[in-house]
Amino acid sequence: IDVATVHKFQGREKDAIVMSTVDDT
């Protein structure tokens, strides 16, 4: 699966996007 930072995904698109936010707070 294509995995990248949000910055590197700018200008791109996918049918489905999953975002992991990482931070506890």
PDB file of all heavy atoms in Angstrom:
ATOM      1  N   ILE A   1       0.846  -1.187   0.000  1.00  0.00           N
ATOM      2  CA  ILE A   1       0.000   0.000   0.000  1.00  0.00           C
ATOM      3  C   ILE A   1       0.882   1.237   0.000  1.00  0.00           C
ATOM      4  O   ILE A   1       1.944   1.265   0.630  1.00  0.00           O
ATOM      5  CB  ILE A   1      -0.932  -0.010   1.230  1.00  0.00           C
ATOM      6  CG1 ILE A   1      -1.980  -1.117   1.067  1.00  0.00           C
ATOM      7  CG2 ILE A   1      -1.630   1.329   1.426  1.00  0.00           C
ATOM      8  CD1 ILE A   1      -2.942  -1.233   2.214  1.00  0.00           C
ATOM      9  N   ASP A   2       0.453   2.252  -0.706  1.00  0.00           N
ATOM     10  CA  ASP A   2       1.190   3.509  -0.796  1.00  0.00           C
ATOM     11  C   ASP A   2       1.138   4.224   0.553  1.00  0.00           C
ATOM     12  O   ASP A   2       0.065   4.585   1.035  1.00  0.00           O
ATOM     13  CB  ASP A   2       0.548   4.377  -1.881  1.00  0.00           C
ATOM     14  CG  ASP A   2       1.488   5.451  -2.390  1.00  0.00           C
ATOM     15  OD1 ASP A   2       2.555   5.635  -1.788  1.00  0.00           O
ATOM     16  OD2 ASP A   2       1.138   6.095  -3.399  1.00  0.00           O
ATOM     17  N   VAL A   3       2.303   4.422   1.174  1.00  0.00           N
ATOM     18  CA  VAL A   3       2.400   5.091   2.472  1.00  0.00           C
ATOM     19  C   VAL A   3       3.310   6.303   2.318  1.00  0.00           C
ATOM     20  O   VAL A   3       4.406   6.202   1.756  1.00  0.00           O
ATOM     21  CB  VAL A   3       2.968   4.150   3.553  1.00  0.00           C
ATOM     22  CG1 VAL A   3       3.014   4.861   4.911  1.00  0.00           C
ATOM     23  CG2 VAL A   3       2.159   2.865   3.646  1.00  0.00           C
ATOM     24  N   ALA A   4       2.875   7.454   2.823  1.00  0.00           N
ATOM     25  CA  ALA A   4       3.685   8.673   2.686  1.00  0.00           C
ATOM     26  C   ALA A   4       3.243   9.693   3.731  1.00  0.00           C
ATOM     27  O   ALA A   4       2.201   9.548   4.365  1.00  0.00           O
ATOM     28  CB  ALA A   4       3.537   9.260   1.284  1.00  0.00           C
ATOM     29  N   THR A   5       4.059  10.729   3.887  1.00  0.00           N
ATOM     30  CA  THR A   5       3.640  11.842   4.732  1.00  0.00           C
ATOM     31  C   THR A   5       2.541  12.630   4.017  1.00  0.00           C
ATOM     32  O   THR A   5       2.389  12.546   2.796  1.00  0.00           O
ATOM     33  CB  THR A   5       4.807  12.790   5.037  1.00  0.00           C
ATOM     34  OG1 THR A   5       5.298  13.343   3.801  1.00  0.00           O
ATOM     35  CG2 THR A   5       5.936  12.069   5.764  1.00  0.00           C
ATOM     36  N   VAL A   6       1.804  13.407   4.787  1.00  0.00           N
ATOM     37  CA  VAL A   6       0.768  14.259   4.197  1.00  0.00           C
ATOM     38  C   VAL A   6       1.403  15.225   3.204  1.00  0.00           C
ATOM     39  O   VAL A   6       0.854  15.476   2.118  1.00  0.00           O
ATOM     40  CB  VAL A   6       0.013  15.033   5.299  1.00  0.00           C
ATOM     41  CG1 VAL A   6      -1.058  15.924   4.682  1.00  0.00           C
ATOM     42  CG2 VAL A   6      -0.608  14.075   6.311  1.00  0.00           C
ATOM     43  N   HIS A   7       2.574  15.755   3.550  1.00  0.00           N
ATOM     44  CA  HIS A   7       3.257  16.693   2.654  1.00  0.00           C
ATOM     45  C   HIS A   7       3.542  16.062   1.290  1.00  0.00           C
ATOM     46  O   HIS A   7       3.337  16.696   0.243  1.00  0.00           O
ATOM     47  CB  HIS A   7       4.572  17.166   3.283  1.00  0.00           C
ATOM     48  CG  HIS A   7       4.400  18.143   4.410  1.00  0.00           C
ATOM     49  ND1 HIS A   7       3.967  17.754   5.662  1.00  0.00           N
ATOM     50  CD2 HIS A   7       4.591  19.485   4.465  1.00  0.00           C
ATOM     51  CE1 HIS A   7       3.905  18.822   6.448  1.00  0.00           C
ATOM     52  NE2 HIS A   7       4.283  19.884   5.752  1.00  0.00           N
ATOM     53  N   LYS A   8       4.013  14.821   1.291  1.00  0.00           N
ATOM     54  CA  LYS A   8       4.365  14.162   0.028  1.00  0.00           C
ATOM     55  C   LYS A   8       3.136  13.732  -0.761  1.00  0.00           C
ATOM     56  O   LYS A   8       3.226  13.477  -1.965  1.00  0.00           O
ATOM     57  CB  LYS A   8       5.279  12.971   0.299  1.00  0.00           C
ATOM     58  CG  LYS A   8       6.668  13.380   0.760  1.00  0.00           C
ATOM     59  CD  LYS A   8       7.576  12.180   0.955  1.00  0.00           C
ATOM     60  CE  LYS A   8       8.965  12.634   1.407  1.00  0.00           C
ATOM     61  NZ  LYS A   8       9.871  11.483   1.683  1.00  0.00           N
ATOM     62  N   PHE A   9       1.978  13.642  -0.089  1.00  0.00           N
ATOM     63  CA  PHE A   9       0.760  13.236  -0.787  1.00  0.00           C
ATOM     64  C   PHE A   9       0.011  14.426  -1.382  1.00  0.00           C
ATOM     65  O   PHE A   9      -0.978  14.250  -2.090  1.00  0.00           O
ATOM     66  CB  PHE A   9      -0.170  12.465   0.158  1.00  0.00           C
ATOM     67  CG  PHE A   9      -0.618  11.131  -0.389  1.00  0.00           C
ATOM     68  CD1 PHE A   9       0.104   9.979  -0.128  1.00  0.00           C
ATOM     69  CD2 PHE A   9      -1.747  11.040  -1.175  1.00  0.00           C
ATOM     70  CE1 PHE A   9      -0.307   8.757  -0.644  1.00  0.00           C
ATOM     71  CE2 PHE A   9      -2.169   9.831  -1.685  1.00  0.00           C
ATOM     72  CZ  PHE A   9      -1.450   8.681  -1.420  1.00  0.00           C
ATOM     73  N   GLN A  10       0.443  15.640  -1.079  1.00  0.00           N
ATOM     74  CA  GLN A  10      -0.233  16.811  -1.644  1.00  0.00           C
ATOM     75  C   GLN A  10      -0.168  16.757  -3.168  1.00  0.00           C
ATOM     76  O   GLN A  10       0.871  16.465  -3.758  1.00  0.00           O
ATOM     77  CB  GLN A  10       0.405  18.108  -1.143  1.00  0.00           C
ATOM     78  CG  GLN A  10      -0.298  19.362  -1.644  1.00  0.00           C
ATOM     79  CD  GLN A  10      -0.032  20.575  -0.770  1.00  0.00           C
ATOM     80  OE1 GLN A  10      -0.140  20.483   0.435  1.00  0.00           O
ATOM     81  NE2 GLN A  10       0.319  21.699  -1.379  1.00  0.00           N
ATOM     82  N   GLY A  11      -1.298  17.036  -3.809  1.00  0.00           N
ATOM     83  CA  GLY A  11      -1.378  16.958  -5.264  1.00  0.00           C
ATOM     84  C   GLY A  11      -1.785  15.593  -5.778  1.00  0.00           C
ATOM     85  O   GLY A  11      -2.011  15.415  -6.974  1.00  0.00           O
ATOM     86  N   ARG A  12      -1.906  14.598  -4.867  1.00  0.00           N
ATOM     87  CA  ARG A  12      -2.283  13.237  -5.271  1.00  0.00           C
ATOM     88  C   ARG A  12      -3.666  12.900  -4.724  1.00  0.00           C
ATOM     89  O   ARG A  12      -4.262  13.659  -3.965  1.00  0.00           O
ATOM     90  CB  ARG A  12      -1.246  12.234  -4.751  1.00  0.00           C
ATOM     91  CG  ARG A  12       0.161  12.505  -5.229  1.00  0.00           C
ATOM     92  CD  ARG A  12       1.151  11.549  -4.586  1.00  0.00           C
ATOM     93  NE  ARG A  12       0.791  10.172  -4.878  1.00  0.00           N
ATOM     94  CZ  ARG A  12       1.295   9.115  -4.240  1.00  0.00           C
ATOM     95  NH1 ARG A  12       2.160   9.298  -3.255  1.00  0.00           N
ATOM     96  NH2 ARG A  12       0.931   7.884  -4.563  1.00  0.00           N
ATOM     97  N   GLU A  13      -4.164  11.727  -5.097  1.00  0.00           N
ATOM     98  CA  GLU A  13      -5.476  11.286  -4.636  1.00  0.00           C
ATOM     99  C   GLU A  13      -5.548   9.769  -4.656  1.00  0.00           C
ATOM    100  O   GLU A  13      -4.801   9.094  -5.364  1.00  0.00           O
ATOM    101  CB  GLU A  13      -6.586  11.857  -5.522  1.00  0.00           C
ATOM    102  CG  GLU A  13      -6.486  11.407  -6.970  1.00  0.00           C
ATOM    103  CD  GLU A  13      -7.520  12.052  -7.868  1.00  0.00           C
ATOM    104  OE1 GLU A  13      -7.853  13.241  -7.661  1.00  0.00           O
ATOM    105  OE2 GLU A  13      -8.002  11.366  -8.799  1.00  0.00           O
ATOM    106  N   LYS A  14      -6.436   9.214  -3.837  1.00  0.00           N
ATOM    107  CA  LYS A  14      -6.745   7.781  -3.819  1.00  0.00           C
ATOM    108  C   LYS A  14      -8.229   7.623  -3.524  1.00  0.00           C
ATOM    109  O   LYS A  14      -8.865   8.500  -2.934  1.00  0.00           O
ATOM    110  CB  LYS A  14      -5.936   7.055  -2.734  1.00  0.00           C
ATOM    111  CG  LYS A  14      -4.440   6.964  -2.995  1.00  0.00           C
ATOM    112  CD  LYS A  14      -4.100   5.889  -4.005  1.00  0.00           C
ATOM    113  CE  LYS A  14      -2.586   5.704  -4.135  1.00  0.00           C
ATOM    114  NZ  LYS A  14      -2.237   4.643  -5.110  1.00  0.00           N
ATOM    115  N   ASP A  15      -8.799   6.483  -3.893  1.00  0.00           N
ATOM    116  CA  ASP A  15     -10.192   6.221  -3.541  1.00  0.00           C
ATOM    117  C   ASP A  15     -10.371   6.241  -2.030  1.00  0.00           C
ATOM    118  O   ASP A  15     -11.350   6.796  -1.514  1.00  0.00           O
ATOM    119  CB  ASP A  15     -10.638   4.858  -4.090  1.00  0.00           C
ATOM    120  CG  ASP A  15     -10.999   4.919  -5.564  1.00  0.00           C
ATOM    121  OD1 ASP A  15     -11.192   6.040  -6.076  1.00  0.00           O
ATOM    122  OD2 ASP A  15     -11.076   3.856  -6.207  1.00  0.00           O
ATOM    123  N   ALA A  16      -9.446   5.613  -1.325  1.00  0.00           N
ATOM    124  CA  ALA A  16      -9.529   5.548   0.134  1.00  0.00           C
ATOM    125  C   ALA A  16      -8.233   6.059   0.750  1.00  0.00           C
ATOM    126  O   ALA A  16      -7.142   5.713   0.300  1.00  0.00           O
ATOM    127  CB  ALA A  16      -9.786   4.113   0.594  1.00  0.00           C
ATOM    128  N   ILE A  17      -8.363   6.884   1.764  1.00  0.00           N
ATOM    129  CA  ILE A  17      -7.213   7.420   2.492  1.00  0.00           C
ATOM    130  C   ILE A  17      -7.396   7.113   3.978  1.00  0.00           C
ATOM    131  O   ILE A  17      -8.464   7.346   4.551  1.00  0.00           O
ATOM    132  CB  ILE A  17      -7.074   8.939   2.304  1.00  0.00           C
ATOM    133  CG1 ILE A  17      -6.591   9.260   0.883  1.00  0.00           C
ATOM    134  CG2 ILE A  17      -6.122   9.536   3.332  1.00  0.00           C
ATOM    135  CD1 ILE A  17      -5.146   8.889   0.608  1.00  0.00           C
ATOM    136  N   VAL A  18      -6.328   6.579   4.587  1.00  0.00           N
ATOM    137  CA  VAL A  18      -6.289   6.351   6.033  1.00  0.00           C
ATOM    138  C   VAL A  18      -5.223   7.275   6.597  1.00  0.00           C
ATOM    139  O   VAL A  18      -4.089   7.286   6.111  1.00  0.00           O
ATOM    140  CB  VAL A  18      -5.956   4.888   6.361  1.00  0.00           C
ATOM    141  CG1 VAL A  18      -5.903   4.680   7.880  1.00  0.00           C
ATOM    142  CG2 VAL A  18      -6.959   3.943   5.712  1.00  0.00           C
ATOM    143  N   MET A  19      -5.571   8.037   7.634  1.00  0.00           N
ATOM    144  CA  MET A  19      -4.618   8.954   8.248  1.00  0.00           C
ATOM    145  C   MET A  19      -4.322   8.536   9.680  1.00  0.00           C
ATOM    146  O   MET A  19      -5.229   8.448  10.507  1.00  0.00           O
ATOM    147  CB  MET A  19      -5.158  10.389   8.249  1.00  0.00           C
ATOM    148  CG  MET A  19      -4.174  11.387   8.878  1.00  0.00           C
ATOM    149  SD  MET A  19      -4.851  13.051   9.005  1.00  0.00           S
ATOM    150  CE  MET A  19      -3.458  13.938   9.716  1.00  0.00           C
ATOM    151  N   SER A  20      -3.055   8.276   9.966  1.00  0.00           N
ATOM    152  CA  SER A  20      -2.595   7.995  11.324  1.00  0.00           C
ATOM    153  C   SER A  20      -2.028   9.283  11.912  1.00  0.00           C
ATOM    154  O   SER A  20      -1.064   9.844  11.387  1.00  0.00           O
ATOM    155  CB  SER A  20      -1.515   6.902  11.306  1.00  0.00           C
ATOM    156  OG  SER A  20      -0.852   6.812  12.545  1.00  0.00           O
ATOM    157  N   THR A  21      -2.622   9.758  13.021  1.00  0.00           N
ATOM    158  CA  THR A  21      -2.214  11.042  13.595  1.00  0.00           C
ATOM    159  C   THR A  21      -1.008  10.939  14.527  1.00  0.00           C
ATOM    160  O   THR A  21      -0.337  11.927  14.794  1.00  0.00           O
ATOM    161  CB  THR A  21      -3.377  11.679  14.370  1.00  0.00           C
ATOM    162  OG1 THR A  21      -3.852  10.743  15.340  1.00  0.00           O
ATOM    163  CG2 THR A  21      -4.511  12.044  13.426  1.00  0.00           C
ATOM    164  N   VAL A  22      -0.746   9.743  15.072  1.00  0.00           N
ATOM    165  CA  VAL A  22       0.431   9.395  15.890  1.00  0.00           C
ATOM    166  C   VAL A  22       0.372   9.931  17.323  1.00  0.00           C
ATOM    167  O   VAL A  22       0.550   9.174  18.280  1.00  0.00           O
ATOM    168  CB  VAL A  22       1.756   9.850  15.222  1.00  0.00           C
ATOM    169  CG1 VAL A  22       2.960   9.484  16.108  1.00  0.00           C
ATOM    170  CG2 VAL A  22       1.909   9.230  13.834  1.00  0.00           C
ATOM    171  N   ASP A  23       0.156  11.221  17.518  1.00  0.00           N
ATOM    172  CA  ASP A  23       0.299  11.846  18.837  1.00  0.00           C
ATOM    173  C   ASP A  23      -0.721  11.325  19.851  1.00  0.00           C
ATOM    174  O   ASP A  23      -1.899  11.156  19.533  1.00  0.00           O
ATOM    175  CB  ASP A  23       0.130  13.361  18.742  1.00  0.00           C
ATOM    176  CG  ASP A  23       1.217  14.038  17.929  1.00  0.00           C
ATOM    177  OD1 ASP A  23       2.292  13.442  17.770  1.00  0.00           O
ATOM    178  OD2 ASP A  23       0.986  15.174  17.468  1.00  0.00           O
ATOM    179  N   ASP A  24      -0.265  11.105  21.100  1.00  0.00           N
ATOM    180  CA  ASP A  24      -1.192  10.808  22.195  1.00  0.00           C
ATOM    181  C   ASP A  24      -2.015  12.045  22.539  1.00  0.00           C
ATOM    182  O   ASP A  24      -3.224  11.974  22.736  1.00  0.00           O
ATOM    183  CB  ASP A  24      -0.422  10.342  23.438  1.00  0.00           C
ATOM    184  CG  ASP A  24       0.278   9.009  23.228  1.00  0.00           C
ATOM    185  OD1 ASP A  24      -0.292   8.144  22.547  1.00  0.00           O
ATOM    186  OD2 ASP A  24       1.400   8.847  23.741  1.00  0.00           O
ATOM    187  N   THR A  25      -1.338  13.175  22.647  1.00  0.00           N
ATOM    188  CA  THR A  25      -1.995  14.474  22.778  1.00  0.00           C
ATOM    189  C   THR A  25      -1.660  15.257  21.514  1.00  0.00           C
ATOM    190  O   THR A  25      -0.486  15.521  21.242  1.00  0.00           O
ATOM    191  CB  THR A  25      -1.491  15.235  24.015  1.00  0.00           C
ATOM    192  OG1 THR A  25      -1.793  14.467  25.191  1.00  0.00           O
ATOM    193  CG2 THR A  25      -2.157  16.596  24.122  1.00  0.00           C
TER     194      THR A  25
END
